[in-house]
Amino acid sequence: MSSGPPAGHQGVDTSRPLLMTLPARPTREEAARLCATLAAAPPGEARCQVAAEAYGLGVVDAMARLALEARRHGHRLTFHGAGPDLTALLRLTAVDQVL
């Protein structure tokens, strides 16, 4: 008895997380590029390194867009490196609850 082909995308290593970097002042184009990267990758773990000096509603918007895109495509997205000011802003805007 033979088994079928393995599940998942052939030739794609899903054992390692997708790594991304969110700059301190992301533009809409940069956020859209990161979202497209998530959309193109097979479902799995994704890690986004946030610049330590990142702060402002533009960063919050980019993080929220990335989180939504990750959910749409079956990724487990985590953010790393957010400084205390950004963490406080995320709490203030209640976005921390959905990230």
N, C-alpha and C. Protein backbone atom coordinates (compact mmCIF):
# COMPACT_ATOMS: atom_id res chain seq x y z
N MET A 1 0.84 -1.17 0.00
CA MET A 1 0.00 0.00 0.00
C MET A 1 0.89 1.24 0.00
N SER A 2 0.64 2.15 -0.87
CA SER A 2 1.46 3.35 -0.93
C SER A 2 0.67 4.53 -0.36
N SER A 3 1.42 5.48 0.15
CA SER A 3 0.76 6.67 0.69
C SER A 3 0.83 7.78 -0.34
N GLY A 4 -0.04 8.75 -0.20
CA GLY A 4 -0.08 9.88 -1.12
C GLY A 4 1.04 10.85 -0.84
N PRO A 5 1.09 11.91 -1.59
CA PRO A 5 2.14 12.92 -1.37
C PRO A 5 1.97 13.59 -0.02
N PRO A 6 3.06 14.09 0.56
CA PRO A 6 2.95 14.76 1.84
C PRO A 6 2.08 16.01 1.74
N ALA A 7 1.42 16.32 2.86
CA ALA A 7 0.55 17.50 2.90
C ALA A 7 1.40 18.77 2.88
N GLY A 8 0.81 19.86 2.49
CA GLY A 8 1.49 21.16 2.50
C GLY A 8 2.11 21.48 1.15
N HIS A 9 2.82 22.57 1.13
CA HIS A 9 3.47 23.04 -0.10
C HIS A 9 4.77 22.29 -0.31
N GLN A 10 4.93 21.73 -1.47
CA GLN A 10 6.16 21.00 -1.76
C GLN A 10 7.31 21.98 -1.95
N GLY A 11 8.45 21.64 -1.39
CA GLY A 11 9.63 22.45 -1.57
C GLY A 11 9.68 23.71 -0.70
N VAL A 12 8.73 23.85 0.23
CA VAL A 12 8.72 25.03 1.10
C VAL A 12 8.98 24.57 2.52
N ASP A 13 9.99 25.14 3.14
CA ASP A 13 10.34 24.78 4.51
C ASP A 13 9.46 25.59 5.47
N THR A 14 8.46 24.93 6.07
CA THR A 14 7.57 25.60 7.00
C THR A 14 8.00 25.37 8.44
N SER A 15 9.14 24.70 8.64
CA SER A 15 9.60 24.45 10.00
C SER A 15 10.23 25.70 10.62
N ARG A 16 10.61 26.66 9.79
CA ARG A 16 11.18 27.90 10.29
C ARG A 16 10.18 29.02 10.09
N PRO A 17 10.11 29.94 11.07
CA PRO A 17 9.13 31.03 10.95
C PRO A 17 9.51 32.02 9.86
N LEU A 18 8.49 32.66 9.33
CA LEU A 18 8.68 33.77 8.40
C LEU A 18 9.12 34.96 9.25
N LEU A 19 10.23 35.60 8.89
CA LEU A 19 10.75 36.73 9.65
C LEU A 19 10.57 38.01 8.87
N MET A 20 10.04 39.03 9.55
CA MET A 20 9.80 40.33 8.94
C MET A 20 10.29 41.41 9.90
N THR A 21 10.51 42.60 9.36
CA THR A 21 10.92 43.74 10.18
C THR A 21 10.00 44.92 9.89
N LEU A 22 9.46 45.50 10.93
CA LEU A 22 8.62 46.70 10.82
C LEU A 22 9.47 47.91 11.19
N PRO A 23 9.69 48.83 10.26
CA PRO A 23 10.52 50.00 10.57
C PRO A 23 9.84 50.94 11.56
N ALA A 24 10.62 51.88 12.09
CA ALA A 24 10.11 52.82 13.09
C ALA A 24 8.98 53.69 12.57
N ARG A 25 9.04 54.07 11.32
CA ARG A 25 8.01 54.91 10.70
C ARG A 25 7.56 54.25 9.39
N PRO A 26 6.76 53.20 9.49
CA PRO A 26 6.38 52.49 8.26
C PRO A 26 5.43 53.32 7.40
N THR A 27 5.68 53.32 6.11
CA THR A 27 4.76 53.97 5.17
C THR A 27 3.65 52.98 4.83
N ARG A 28 2.61 53.45 4.20
CA ARG A 28 1.54 52.56 3.76
C ARG A 28 2.06 51.52 2.77
N GLU A 29 3.01 51.94 1.94
CA GLU A 29 3.59 51.03 0.96
C GLU A 29 4.38 49.92 1.64
N GLU A 30 5.13 50.27 2.69
CA GLU A 30 5.89 49.26 3.43
C GLU A 30 4.96 48.28 4.13
N ALA A 31 3.89 48.80 4.73
CA ALA A 31 2.91 47.93 5.38
C ALA A 31 2.24 47.03 4.35
N ALA A 32 1.91 47.56 3.20
CA ALA A 32 1.28 46.76 2.14
C ALA A 32 2.25 45.68 1.64
N ARG A 33 3.53 46.00 1.55
CA ARG A 33 4.53 45.01 1.12
C ARG A 33 4.64 43.87 2.13
N LEU A 34 4.65 44.21 3.43
CA LEU A 34 4.71 43.18 4.46
C LEU A 34 3.44 42.31 4.45
N CYS A 35 2.30 42.95 4.22
CA CYS A 35 1.04 42.19 4.13
C CYS A 35 1.07 41.24 2.93
N ALA A 36 1.63 41.70 1.81
CA ALA A 36 1.73 40.85 0.62
C ALA A 36 2.67 39.68 0.88
N THR A 37 3.73 39.91 1.65
CA THR A 37 4.64 38.83 2.02
C THR A 37 3.90 37.76 2.81
N LEU A 38 3.08 38.19 3.76
CA LEU A 38 2.27 37.25 4.54
C LEU A 38 1.30 36.48 3.67
N ALA A 39 0.65 37.19 2.76
CA ALA A 39 -0.35 36.57 1.89
C ALA A 39 0.28 35.52 0.98
N ALA A 40 1.51 35.74 0.56
CA ALA A 40 2.18 34.82 -0.37
C ALA A 40 2.79 33.61 0.31
N ALA A 41 3.03 33.70 1.61
CA ALA A 41 3.70 32.61 2.33
C ALA A 41 2.69 31.54 2.75
N PRO A 42 3.14 30.28 2.82
CA PRO A 42 2.25 29.23 3.30
C PRO A 42 1.93 29.46 4.78
N PRO A 43 0.78 29.03 5.25
CA PRO A 43 0.40 29.24 6.65
C PRO A 43 1.46 28.67 7.60
N GLY A 44 1.71 29.38 8.67
CA GLY A 44 2.68 28.93 9.66
C GLY A 44 3.00 30.04 10.62
N GLU A 45 4.12 29.89 11.29
CA GLU A 45 4.55 30.89 12.26
C GLU A 45 5.21 32.06 11.55
N ALA A 46 4.88 33.27 11.99
CA ALA A 46 5.49 34.49 11.45
C ALA A 46 5.90 35.37 12.62
N ARG A 47 7.08 35.94 12.51
CA ARG A 47 7.59 36.84 13.56
C ARG A 47 7.93 38.18 12.94
N CYS A 48 7.48 39.23 13.61
CA CYS A 48 7.75 40.58 13.12
C CYS A 48 8.55 41.33 14.17
N GLN A 49 9.75 41.72 13.80
CA GLN A 49 10.60 42.52 14.68
C GLN A 49 10.23 43.99 14.50
N VAL A 50 9.80 44.62 15.57
CA VAL A 50 9.40 46.02 15.55
C VAL A 50 10.61 46.86 15.96
N ALA A 51 10.90 47.89 15.21
CA ALA A 51 12.01 48.77 15.55
C ALA A 51 11.80 49.33 16.95
N ALA A 52 12.86 49.34 17.74
CA ALA A 52 12.78 49.77 19.15
C ALA A 52 12.24 51.18 19.30
N GLU A 53 12.55 52.05 18.32
CA GLU A 53 12.10 53.45 18.41
C GLU A 53 10.75 53.69 17.74
N ALA A 54 10.09 52.61 17.31
CA ALA A 54 8.79 52.74 16.64
C ALA A 54 7.76 53.31 17.60
N TYR A 55 6.99 54.28 17.10
CA TYR A 55 5.94 54.90 17.90
C TYR A 55 5.02 55.67 16.98
N GLY A 56 3.77 55.74 17.33
CA GLY A 56 2.80 56.55 16.59
C GLY A 56 1.68 55.71 16.03
N LEU A 57 0.63 56.41 15.61
CA LEU A 57 -0.54 55.71 15.09
C LEU A 57 -0.27 55.01 13.77
N GLY A 58 0.72 55.47 13.01
CA GLY A 58 1.09 54.78 11.77
C GLY A 58 1.62 53.38 12.06
N VAL A 59 2.38 53.25 13.14
CA VAL A 59 2.90 51.94 13.54
C VAL A 59 1.75 51.06 14.03
N VAL A 60 0.87 51.63 14.83
CA VAL A 60 -0.29 50.87 15.32
C VAL A 60 -1.13 50.38 14.14
N ASP A 61 -1.36 51.25 13.16
CA ASP A 61 -2.13 50.88 11.98
C ASP A 61 -1.44 49.74 11.22
N ALA A 62 -0.14 49.84 11.03
CA ALA A 62 0.60 48.79 10.31
C ALA A 62 0.54 47.47 11.06
N MET A 63 0.68 47.51 12.37
CA MET A 63 0.61 46.28 13.16
C MET A 63 -0.78 45.64 13.09
N ALA A 64 -1.81 46.47 13.14
CA ALA A 64 -3.17 45.95 13.05
C ALA A 64 -3.42 45.33 11.67
N ARG A 65 -2.94 45.97 10.62
CA ARG A 65 -3.10 45.43 9.26
C ARG A 65 -2.37 44.08 9.12
N LEU A 66 -1.16 44.01 9.67
CA LEU A 66 -0.40 42.76 9.62
C LEU A 66 -1.11 41.65 10.39
N ALA A 67 -1.65 41.98 11.55
CA ALA A 67 -2.36 40.98 12.35
C ALA A 67 -3.59 40.46 11.60
N LEU A 68 -4.32 41.35 10.96
CA LEU A 68 -5.50 40.95 10.19
C LEU A 68 -5.10 40.07 9.01
N GLU A 69 -4.07 40.47 8.29
CA GLU A 69 -3.60 39.69 7.14
C GLU A 69 -3.11 38.31 7.57
N ALA A 70 -2.43 38.26 8.70
CA ALA A 70 -1.95 36.97 9.21
C ALA A 70 -3.12 36.05 9.52
N ARG A 71 -4.14 36.57 10.16
CA ARG A 71 -5.31 35.74 10.47
C ARG A 71 -6.00 35.25 9.21
N ARG A 72 -6.11 36.12 8.22
CA ARG A 72 -6.76 35.75 6.96
C ARG A 72 -6.06 34.58 6.27
N HIS A 73 -4.74 34.48 6.46
CA HIS A 73 -3.96 33.48 5.74
C HIS A 73 -3.43 32.37 6.64
N GLY A 74 -3.95 32.27 7.85
CA GLY A 74 -3.61 31.15 8.72
C GLY A 74 -2.25 31.20 9.38
N HIS A 75 -1.70 32.41 9.56
CA HIS A 75 -0.40 32.55 10.21
C HIS A 75 -0.58 32.79 11.71
N ARG A 76 0.40 32.37 12.48
CA ARG A 76 0.50 32.71 13.90
C ARG A 76 1.56 33.80 14.00
N LEU A 77 1.11 35.04 14.06
CA LEU A 77 2.01 36.19 14.04
C LEU A 77 2.30 36.69 15.45
N THR A 78 3.57 36.90 15.72
CA THR A 78 3.98 37.52 16.98
C THR A 78 4.86 38.73 16.66
N PHE A 79 4.74 39.74 17.50
CA PHE A 79 5.55 40.95 17.37
C PHE A 79 6.58 40.95 18.49
N HIS A 80 7.79 41.40 18.17
CA HIS A 80 8.89 41.44 19.14
C HIS A 80 9.58 42.80 19.05
N GLY A 81 10.04 43.29 20.21
CA GLY A 81 10.88 44.47 20.22
C GLY A 81 10.18 45.80 20.45
N ALA A 82 8.87 45.79 20.62
CA ALA A 82 8.17 47.06 20.84
C ALA A 82 8.64 47.70 22.14
N GLY A 83 8.97 48.97 22.05
CA GLY A 83 9.43 49.70 23.23
C GLY A 83 8.27 50.06 24.15
N PRO A 84 8.58 50.60 25.31
CA PRO A 84 7.54 50.91 26.30
C PRO A 84 6.53 51.95 25.82
N ASP A 85 6.98 52.93 25.03
CA ASP A 85 6.05 53.95 24.54
C ASP A 85 5.03 53.34 23.57
N LEU A 86 5.51 52.49 22.67
CA LEU A 86 4.59 51.84 21.72
C LEU A 86 3.67 50.88 22.45
N THR A 87 4.20 50.15 23.41
CA THR A 87 3.37 49.23 24.19
C THR A 87 2.25 49.99 24.90
N ALA A 88 2.58 51.15 25.47
CA ALA A 88 1.56 51.97 26.14
C ALA A 88 0.52 52.48 25.14
N LEU A 89 0.97 52.89 23.95
CA LEU A 89 0.04 53.36 22.92
C LEU A 89 -0.88 52.23 22.45
N LEU A 90 -0.33 51.04 22.31
CA LEU A 90 -1.16 49.89 21.93
C LEU A 90 -2.23 49.61 22.98
N ARG A 91 -1.86 49.74 24.24
CA ARG A 91 -2.84 49.55 25.33
C ARG A 91 -3.89 50.66 25.30
N LEU A 92 -3.45 51.89 25.10
CA LEU A 92 -4.35 53.03 25.09
C LEU A 92 -5.40 52.90 23.98
N THR A 93 -4.97 52.41 22.83
CA THR A 93 -5.88 52.27 21.69
C THR A 93 -6.61 50.92 21.70
N ALA A 94 -6.31 50.07 22.68
CA ALA A 94 -6.92 48.73 22.84
C ALA A 94 -6.55 47.79 21.70
N VAL A 95 -5.54 48.14 20.94
CA VAL A 95 -5.08 47.27 19.86
C VAL A 95 -4.28 46.09 20.44
N ASP A 96 -3.70 46.28 21.62
CA ASP A 96 -2.93 45.20 22.24
C ASP A 96 -3.77 43.95 22.46
N GLN A 97 -5.08 44.10 22.58
CA GLN A 97 -5.96 42.95 22.82
C GLN A 97 -6.15 42.09 21.59
N VAL A 98 -5.97 42.66 20.40
CA VAL A 98 -6.15 41.89 19.17
C VAL A 98 -4.83 41.44 18.56
N LEU A 99 -3.72 41.95 19.08
CA LEU A 99 -2.41 41.54 18.58
C LEU A 99 -1.98 40.36 19.39
